[in-house]
Amino acid sequence: MNLEVLEKARTRVPSIPVLVNLVSQRTKQLNRGERPFLKPLSKFEDKSDIALREIAEGLIMAGVDMQAVEEHDEKRTRWSRHF
């Protein structure tokens, strides 16, 4: 794994858990046969490296469901009132 590409991807997706999930999801898609958005550097390039390069180049973005986040925060607040 290229550390420069990893750092570039981290500037695009600063949350490590979100970045890991994004790379994982995209790697699964590539393993199922979806075409990469970038030309592989070699015939043997790992799918996770391709996914990471796609994220670093801004071809893949993470979406956040704000309604789900608000519901989660509301449930957590409701439970914290009881303690």
PDB file of N, CA and C in Angstrom:
ATOM      1  N   MET A   1       0.846  -1.167   0.000  1.00  0.00           N
ATOM      2  CA  MET A   1       0.000   0.000   0.000  1.00  0.00           C
ATOM      3  C   MET A   1       0.899   1.240   0.000  1.00  0.00           C
ATOM      4  N   ASN A   2       0.584   2.156  -0.875  1.00  0.00           N
ATOM      5  CA  ASN A   2       1.349   3.389  -1.010  1.00  0.00           C
ATOM      6  C   ASN A   2       0.897   4.378   0.061  1.00  0.00           C
ATOM      7  N   LEU A   3       1.835   4.823   0.895  1.00  0.00           N
ATOM      8  CA  LEU A   3       1.495   5.732   1.990  1.00  0.00           C
ATOM      9  C   LEU A   3       1.072   7.112   1.490  1.00  0.00           C
ATOM     10  N   GLU A   4       1.620   7.542   0.362  1.00  0.00           N
ATOM     11  CA  GLU A   4       1.208   8.830  -0.204  1.00  0.00           C
ATOM     12  C   GLU A   4      -0.265   8.795  -0.605  1.00  0.00           C
ATOM     13  N   VAL A   5      -0.668   7.695  -1.222  1.00  0.00           N
ATOM     14  CA  VAL A   5      -2.069   7.536  -1.631  1.00  0.00           C
ATOM     15  C   VAL A   5      -2.960   7.473  -0.400  1.00  0.00           C
ATOM     16  N   LEU A   6      -2.511   6.775   0.631  1.00  0.00           N
ATOM     17  CA  LEU A   6      -3.273   6.676   1.869  1.00  0.00           C
ATOM     18  C   LEU A   6      -3.470   8.059   2.496  1.00  0.00           C
ATOM     19  N   GLU A   7      -2.430   8.855   2.558  1.00  0.00           N
ATOM     20  CA  GLU A   7      -2.539  10.198   3.131  1.00  0.00           C
ATOM     21  C   GLU A   7      -3.454  11.088   2.296  1.00  0.00           C
ATOM     22  N   LYS A   8      -3.367  10.947   0.985  1.00  0.00           N
ATOM     23  CA  LYS A   8      -4.247  11.735   0.102  1.00  0.00           C
ATOM     24  C   LYS A   8      -5.706  11.332   0.319  1.00  0.00           C
ATOM     25  N   ALA A   9      -5.943  10.032   0.479  1.00  0.00           N
ATOM     26  CA  ALA A   9      -7.304   9.544   0.742  1.00  0.00           C
ATOM     27  C   ALA A   9      -7.791  10.050   2.098  1.00  0.00           C
ATOM     28  N   ARG A  10      -6.894  10.114   3.075  1.00  0.00           N
ATOM     29  CA  ARG A  10      -7.286  10.604   4.413  1.00  0.00           C
ATOM     30  C   ARG A  10      -7.638  12.084   4.393  1.00  0.00           C
ATOM     31  N   THR A  11      -7.071  12.854   3.467  1.00  0.00           N
ATOM     32  CA  THR A  11      -7.468  14.257   3.365  1.00  0.00           C
ATOM     33  C   THR A  11      -8.874  14.365   2.784  1.00  0.00           C
ATOM     34  N   ARG A  12      -9.246  13.415   1.937  1.00  0.00           N
ATOM     35  CA  ARG A  12     -10.598  13.410   1.359  1.00  0.00           C
ATOM     36  C   ARG A  12     -11.629  12.869   2.350  1.00  0.00           C
ATOM     37  N   VAL A  13     -11.241  11.839   3.116  1.00  0.00           N
ATOM     38  CA  VAL A  13     -12.129  11.207   4.098  1.00  0.00           C
ATOM     39  C   VAL A  13     -11.363  11.156   5.420  1.00  0.00           C
ATOM     40  N   PRO A  14     -11.471  12.193   6.241  1.00  0.00           N
ATOM     41  CA  PRO A  14     -10.654  12.265   7.457  1.00  0.00           C
ATOM     42  C   PRO A  14     -10.995  11.237   8.535  1.00  0.00           C
ATOM     43  N   SER A  15     -12.193  10.717   8.532  1.00  0.00           N
ATOM     44  CA  SER A  15     -12.587   9.723   9.539  1.00  0.00           C
ATOM     45  C   SER A  15     -12.054   8.348   9.136  1.00  0.00           C
ATOM     46  N   ILE A  16     -11.193   7.786   9.979  1.00  0.00           N
ATOM     47  CA  ILE A  16     -10.596   6.481   9.680  1.00  0.00           C
ATOM     48  C   ILE A  16     -11.660   5.386   9.538  1.00  0.00           C
ATOM     49  N   PRO A  17     -12.637   5.285  10.458  1.00  0.00           N
ATOM     50  CA  PRO A  17     -13.653   4.236  10.286  1.00  0.00           C
ATOM     51  C   PRO A  17     -14.437   4.378   8.975  1.00  0.00           C
ATOM     52  N   VAL A  18     -14.749   5.608   8.590  1.00  0.00           N
ATOM     53  CA  VAL A  18     -15.482   5.818   7.336  1.00  0.00           C
ATOM     54  C   VAL A  18     -14.597   5.429   6.156  1.00  0.00           C
ATOM     55  N   LEU A  19     -13.319   5.793   6.202  1.00  0.00           N
ATOM     56  CA  LEU A  19     -12.387   5.441   5.125  1.00  0.00           C
ATOM     57  C   LEU A  19     -12.250   3.931   4.994  1.00  0.00           C
ATOM     58  N   VAL A  20     -12.114   3.245   6.107  1.00  0.00           N
ATOM     59  CA  VAL A  20     -11.995   1.782   6.077  1.00  0.00           C
ATOM     60  C   VAL A  20     -13.250   1.152   5.479  1.00  0.00           C
ATOM     61  N   ASN A  21     -14.416   1.636   5.892  1.00  0.00           N
ATOM     62  CA  ASN A  21     -15.666   1.094   5.354  1.00  0.00           C
ATOM     63  C   ASN A  21     -15.813   1.389   3.873  1.00  0.00           C
ATOM     64  N   LEU A  22     -15.392   2.570   3.458  1.00  0.00           N
ATOM     65  CA  LEU A  22     -15.481   2.953   2.054  1.00  0.00           C
ATOM     66  C   LEU A  22     -14.568   2.093   1.191  1.00  0.00           C
ATOM     67  N   VAL A  23     -13.340   1.886   1.634  1.00  0.00           N
ATOM     68  CA  VAL A  23     -12.406   1.025   0.898  1.00  0.00           C
ATOM     69  C   VAL A  23     -12.935  -0.402   0.851  1.00  0.00           C
ATOM     70  N   SER A  24     -13.457  -0.880   1.966  1.00  0.00           N
ATOM     71  CA  SER A  24     -13.992  -2.236   2.027  1.00  0.00           C
ATOM     72  C   SER A  24     -15.164  -2.429   1.063  1.00  0.00           C
ATOM     73  N   GLN A  25     -16.083  -1.488   1.088  1.00  0.00           N
ATOM     74  CA  GLN A  25     -17.260  -1.589   0.223  1.00  0.00           C
ATOM     75  C   GLN A  25     -16.856  -1.543  -1.253  1.00  0.00           C
ATOM     76  N   ARG A  26     -15.951  -0.634  -1.598  1.00  0.00           N
ATOM     77  CA  ARG A  26     -15.529  -0.516  -2.995  1.00  0.00           C
ATOM     78  C   ARG A  26     -14.738  -1.739  -3.435  1.00  0.00           C
ATOM     79  N   THR A  27     -13.917  -2.299  -2.542  1.00  0.00           N
ATOM     80  CA  THR A  27     -13.159  -3.507  -2.864  1.00  0.00           C
ATOM     81  C   THR A  27     -14.107  -4.667  -3.156  1.00  0.00           C
ATOM     82  N   LYS A  28     -15.168  -4.799  -2.373  1.00  0.00           N
ATOM     83  CA  LYS A  28     -16.161  -5.844  -2.623  1.00  0.00           C
ATOM     84  C   LYS A  28     -16.804  -5.663  -3.997  1.00  0.00           C
ATOM     85  N   GLN A  29     -17.107  -4.406  -4.350  1.00  0.00           N
ATOM     86  CA  GLN A  29     -17.699  -4.135  -5.657  1.00  0.00           C
ATOM     87  C   GLN A  29     -16.744  -4.535  -6.775  1.00  0.00           C
ATOM     88  N   LEU A  30     -15.468  -4.199  -6.622  1.00  0.00           N
ATOM     89  CA  LEU A  30     -14.478  -4.552  -7.637  1.00  0.00           C
ATOM     90  C   LEU A  30     -14.304  -6.066  -7.733  1.00  0.00           C
ATOM     91  N   ASN A  31     -14.331  -6.757  -6.596  1.00  0.00           N
ATOM     92  CA  ASN A  31     -14.215  -8.212  -6.596  1.00  0.00           C
ATOM     93  C   ASN A  31     -15.413  -8.888  -7.254  1.00  0.00           C
ATOM     94  N   ARG A  32     -16.580  -8.218  -7.202  1.00  0.00           N
ATOM     95  CA  ARG A  32     -17.771  -8.767  -7.863  1.00  0.00           C
ATOM     96  C   ARG A  32     -17.746  -8.538  -9.372  1.00  0.00           C
ATOM     97  N   GLY A  33     -16.772  -7.766  -9.838  1.00  0.00           N
ATOM     98  CA  GLY A  33     -16.634  -7.575 -11.274  1.00  0.00           C
ATOM     99  C   GLY A  33     -16.947  -6.181 -11.791  1.00  0.00           C
ATOM    100  N   GLU A  34     -17.268  -5.247 -10.898  1.00  0.00           N
ATOM    101  CA  GLU A  34     -17.499  -3.881 -11.363  1.00  0.00           C
ATOM    102  C   GLU A  34     -16.192  -3.307 -11.896  1.00  0.00           C
ATOM    103  N   ARG A  35     -16.318  -2.448 -12.884  1.00  0.00           N
ATOM    104  CA  ARG A  35     -15.137  -1.862 -13.506  1.00  0.00           C
ATOM    105  C   ARG A  35     -14.573  -0.748 -12.632  1.00  0.00           C
ATOM    106  N   PRO A  36     -13.250  -0.683 -12.543  1.00  0.00           N
ATOM    107  CA  PRO A  36     -12.636   0.407 -11.773  1.00  0.00           C
ATOM    108  C   PRO A  36     -12.761   1.731 -12.526  1.00  0.00           C
ATOM    109  N   PHE A  37     -12.780   2.826 -11.777  1.00  0.00           N
ATOM    110  CA  PHE A  37     -12.844   4.157 -12.370  1.00  0.00           C
ATOM    111  C   PHE A  37     -11.471   4.625 -12.848  1.00  0.00           C
ATOM    112  N   LEU A  38     -10.421   3.955 -12.390  1.00  0.00           N
ATOM    113  CA  LEU A  38      -9.051   4.250 -12.790  1.00  0.00           C
ATOM    114  C   LEU A  38      -8.436   3.028 -13.449  1.00  0.00           C
ATOM    115  N   LYS A  39      -7.508   3.258 -14.343  1.00  0.00           N
ATOM    116  CA  LYS A  39      -6.784   2.146 -14.957  1.00  0.00           C
ATOM    117  C   LYS A  39      -5.829   1.555 -13.918  1.00  0.00           C
ATOM    118  N   PRO A  40      -5.872   0.248 -13.709  1.00  0.00           N
ATOM    119  CA  PRO A  40      -4.941  -0.372 -12.754  1.00  0.00           C
ATOM    120  C   PRO A  40      -3.495  -0.113 -13.168  1.00  0.00           C
ATOM    121  N   LEU A  41      -2.626   0.065 -12.188  1.00  0.00           N
ATOM    122  CA  LEU A  41      -1.214   0.316 -12.462  1.00  0.00           C
ATOM    123  C   LEU A  41      -0.526  -0.904 -13.039  1.00  0.00           C
ATOM    124  N   SER A  42      -1.012  -2.084 -12.667  1.00  0.00           N
ATOM    125  CA  SER A  42      -0.482  -3.325 -13.217  1.00  0.00           C
ATOM    126  C   SER A  42      -1.588  -4.369 -13.214  1.00  0.00           C
ATOM    127  N   LYS A  43      -1.325  -5.449 -13.891  1.00  0.00           N
ATOM    128  CA  LYS A  43      -2.289  -6.546 -13.963  1.00  0.00           C
ATOM    129  C   LYS A  43      -2.534  -7.160 -12.587  1.00  0.00           C
ATOM    130  N   PHE A  44      -1.549  -7.040 -11.713  1.00  0.00           N
ATOM    131  CA  PHE A  44      -1.620  -7.688 -10.402  1.00  0.00           C
ATOM    132  C   PHE A  44      -1.921  -6.722  -9.256  1.00  0.00           C
ATOM    133  N   GLU A  45      -2.314  -5.478  -9.565  1.00  0.00           N
ATOM    134  CA  GLU A  45      -2.604  -4.507  -8.502  1.00  0.00           C
ATOM    135  C   GLU A  45      -3.793  -4.988  -7.671  1.00  0.00           C
ATOM    136  N   ASP A  46      -3.625  -4.908  -6.369  1.00  0.00           N
ATOM    137  CA  ASP A  46      -4.667  -5.341  -5.445  1.00  0.00           C
ATOM    138  C   ASP A  46      -5.906  -4.452  -5.586  1.00  0.00           C
ATOM    139  N   LYS A  47      -7.077  -5.060  -5.449  1.00  0.00           N
ATOM    140  CA  LYS A  47      -8.335  -4.315  -5.585  1.00  0.00           C
ATOM    141  C   LYS A  47      -8.469  -3.230  -4.521  1.00  0.00           C
ATOM    142  N   SER A  48      -7.971  -3.483  -3.321  1.00  0.00           N
ATOM    143  CA  SER A  48      -8.064  -2.474  -2.267  1.00  0.00           C
ATOM    144  C   SER A  48      -7.184  -1.270  -2.588  1.00  0.00           C
ATOM    145  N   ASP A  49      -6.051  -1.490  -3.262  1.00  0.00           N
ATOM    146  CA  ASP A  49      -5.208  -0.369  -3.672  1.00  0.00           C
ATOM    147  C   ASP A  49      -5.899   0.468  -4.747  1.00  0.00           C
ATOM    148  N   ILE A  50      -6.607  -0.187  -5.652  1.00  0.00           N
ATOM    149  CA  ILE A  50      -7.373   0.527  -6.677  1.00  0.00           C
ATOM    150  C   ILE A  50      -8.453   1.370  -6.001  1.00  0.00           C
ATOM    151  N   ALA A  51      -9.172   0.771  -5.051  1.00  0.00           N
ATOM    152  CA  ALA A  51     -10.228   1.485  -4.333  1.00  0.00           C
ATOM    153  C   ALA A  51      -9.661   2.695  -3.599  1.00  0.00           C
ATOM    154  N   LEU A  52      -8.523   2.534  -2.966  1.00  0.00           N
ATOM    155  CA  LEU A  52      -7.889   3.628  -2.239  1.00  0.00           C
ATOM    156  C   LEU A  52      -7.467   4.749  -3.190  1.00  0.00           C
ATOM    157  N   ARG A  53      -6.936   4.388  -4.347  1.00  0.00           N
ATOM    158  CA  ARG A  53      -6.560   5.406  -5.332  1.00  0.00           C
ATOM    159  C   ARG A  53      -7.787   6.146  -5.854  1.00  0.00           C
ATOM    160  N   GLU A  54      -8.892   5.428  -6.045  1.00  0.00           N
ATOM    161  CA  GLU A  54     -10.133   6.068  -6.491  1.00  0.00           C
ATOM    162  C   GLU A  54     -10.610   7.105  -5.469  1.00  0.00           C
ATOM    163  N   ILE A  55     -10.523   6.757  -4.204  1.00  0.00           N
ATOM    164  CA  ILE A  55     -10.925   7.682  -3.143  1.00  0.00           C
ATOM    165  C   ILE A  55      -9.971   8.878  -3.110  1.00  0.00           C
ATOM    166  N   ALA A  56      -8.677   8.614  -3.211  1.00  0.00           N
ATOM    167  CA  ALA A  56      -7.680   9.682  -3.179  1.00  0.00           C
ATOM    168  C   ALA A  56      -7.862  10.667  -4.325  1.00  0.00           C
ATOM    169  N   GLU A  57      -8.307  10.188  -5.473  1.00  0.00           N
ATOM    170  CA  GLU A  57      -8.513  11.047  -6.637  1.00  0.00           C
ATOM    171  C   GLU A  57      -9.885  11.730  -6.620  1.00  0.00           C
ATOM    172  N   GLY A  58     -10.689  11.417  -5.631  1.00  0.00           N
ATOM    173  CA  GLY A  58     -11.996  12.054  -5.511  1.00  0.00           C
ATOM    174  C   GLY A  58     -13.065  11.441  -6.394  1.00  0.00           C
ATOM    175  N   LEU A  59     -12.823  10.245  -6.893  1.00  0.00           N
ATOM    176  CA  LEU A  59     -13.795   9.572  -7.750  1.00  0.00           C
ATOM    177  C   LEU A  59     -14.872   8.857  -6.944  1.00  0.00           C
ATOM    178  N   ILE A  60     -14.596   8.604  -5.676  1.00  0.00           N
ATOM    179  CA  ILE A  60     -15.543   7.954  -4.766  1.00  0.00           C
ATOM    180  C   ILE A  60     -15.682   8.866  -3.551  1.00  0.00           C
ATOM    181  N   MET A  61     -16.905   9.139  -3.164  1.00  0.00           N
ATOM    182  CA  MET A  61     -17.161   9.998  -2.012  1.00  0.00           C
ATOM    183  C   MET A  61     -18.035   9.239  -1.014  1.00  0.00           C
ATOM    184  N   ALA A  62     -17.906   9.594   0.251  1.00  0.00           N
ATOM    185  CA  ALA A  62     -18.734   8.995   1.295  1.00  0.00           C
ATOM    186  C   ALA A  62     -19.968   9.860   1.488  1.00  0.00           C
ATOM    187  N   GLY A  63     -21.114   9.224   1.550  1.00  0.00           N
ATOM    188  CA  GLY A  63     -22.355   9.943   1.831  1.00  0.00           C
ATOM    189  C   GLY A  63     -22.793   9.674   3.255  1.00  0.00           C
ATOM    190  N   VAL A  64     -23.379  10.675   3.873  1.00  0.00           N
ATOM    191  CA  VAL A  64     -23.835  10.532   5.257  1.00  0.00           C
ATOM    192  C   VAL A  64     -25.337  10.780   5.292  1.00  0.00           C
ATOM    193  N   ASP A  65     -26.052   9.842   5.880  1.00  0.00           N
ATOM    194  CA  ASP A  65     -27.498   9.978   6.049  1.00  0.00           C
ATOM    195  C   ASP A  65     -27.729  10.785   7.328  1.00  0.00           C
ATOM    196  N   MET A  66     -27.950  12.075   7.168  1.00  0.00           N
ATOM    197  CA  MET A  66     -28.081  12.959   8.326  1.00  0.00           C
ATOM    198  C   MET A  66     -29.306  12.622   9.171  1.00  0.00           C
ATOM    199  N   GLN A  67     -30.363  12.138   8.551  1.00  0.00           N
ATOM    200  CA  GLN A  67     -31.549  11.759   9.322  1.00  0.00           C
ATOM    201  C   GLN A  67     -31.216  10.597  10.258  1.00  0.00           C
ATOM    202  N   ALA A  68     -30.442   9.633   9.769  1.00  0.00           N
ATOM    203  CA  ALA A  68     -30.050   8.506  10.614  1.00  0.00           C
ATOM    204  C   ALA A  68     -29.148   8.968  11.759  1.00  0.00           C
ATOM    205  N   VAL A  69     -28.276   9.920  11.487  1.00  0.00           N
ATOM    206  CA  VAL A  69     -27.398  10.450  12.527  1.00  0.00           C
ATOM    207  C   VAL A  69     -28.231  11.153  13.602  1.00  0.00           C
ATOM    208  N   GLU A  70     -29.195  11.964  13.169  1.00  0.00           N
ATOM    209  CA  GLU A  70     -30.046  12.669  14.127  1.00  0.00           C
ATOM    210  C   GLU A  70     -30.867  11.689  14.962  1.00  0.00           C
ATOM    211  N   GLU A  71     -31.401  10.635  14.335  1.00  0.00           N
ATOM    212  CA  GLU A  71     -32.173   9.629  15.076  1.00  0.00           C
ATOM    213  C   GLU A  71     -31.289   8.922  16.090  1.00  0.00           C
ATOM    214  N   HIS A  72     -30.077   8.615  15.694  1.00  0.00           N
ATOM    215  CA  HIS A  72     -29.142   7.954  16.608  1.00  0.00           C
ATOM    216  C   HIS A  72     -28.840   8.857  17.806  1.00  0.00           C
ATOM    217  N   ASP A  73     -28.569  10.133  17.523  1.00  0.00           N
ATOM    218  CA  ASP A  73     -28.287  11.078  18.608  1.00  0.00           C
ATOM    219  C   ASP A  73     -29.488  11.247  19.533  1.00  0.00           C
ATOM    220  N   GLU A  74     -30.684  11.259  18.948  1.00  0.00           N
ATOM    221  CA  GLU A  74     -31.900  11.407  19.749  1.00  0.00           C
ATOM    222  C   GLU A  74     -32.092  10.196  20.669  1.00  0.00           C
ATOM    223  N   LYS A  75     -31.873   9.000  20.157  1.00  0.00           N
ATOM    224  CA  LYS A  75     -32.002   7.794  20.977  1.00  0.00           C
ATOM    225  C   LYS A  75     -30.971   7.801  22.094  1.00  0.00           C
ATOM    226  N   ARG A  76     -29.764   8.203  21.775  1.00  0.00           N
ATOM    227  CA  ARG A  76     -28.713   8.234  22.784  1.00  0.00           C
ATOM    228  C   ARG A  76     -29.058   9.257  23.863  1.00  0.00           C
ATOM    229  N   THR A  77     -29.611  10.403  23.473  1.00  0.00           N
ATOM    230  CA  THR A  77     -30.005  11.424  24.440  1.00  0.00           C
ATOM    231  C   THR A  77     -31.142  10.930  25.313  1.00  0.00           C
ATOM    232  N   ARG A  78     -32.109  10.242  24.702  1.00  0.00           N
ATOM    233  CA  ARG A  78     -33.238   9.700  25.466  1.00  0.00           C
ATOM    234  C   ARG A  78     -32.740   8.728  26.530  1.00  0.00           C
ATOM    235  N   TRP A  79     -31.803   7.851  26.178  1.00  0.00           N
ATOM    236  CA  TRP A  79     -31.287   6.885  27.145  1.00  0.00           C
ATOM    237  C   TRP A  79     -30.464   7.560  28.226  1.00  0.00           C
ATOM    238  N   SER A  80     -29.739   8.594  27.868  1.00  0.00           N
ATOM    239  CA  SER A  80     -28.886   9.235  28.877  1.00  0.00           C
ATOM    240  C   SER A  80     -29.695   9.976  29.926  1.00  0.00           C
ATOM    241  N   ARG A  81     -30.931  10.345  29.613  1.00  0.00           N
ATOM    242  CA  ARG A  81     -31.797  11.013  30.599  1.00  0.00           C
ATOM    243  C   ARG A  81     -32.208  10.071  31.724  1.00  0.00           C
ATOM    244  N   HIS A  82     -32.215   8.788  31.443  1.00  0.00           N
ATOM    245  CA  HIS A  82     -32.643   7.811  32.435  1.00  0.00           C
ATOM    246  C   HIS A  82     -31.550   7.443  33.436  1.00  0.00           C
ATOM    247  N   PHE A  83     -30.334   7.855  33.169  1.00  0.00           N
ATOM    248  CA  PHE A  83     -29.237   7.479  34.058  1.00  0.00           C
ATOM    249  C   PHE A  83     -28.732   8.643  34.834  1.00  0.00           C
TER     250      PHE A  83
END
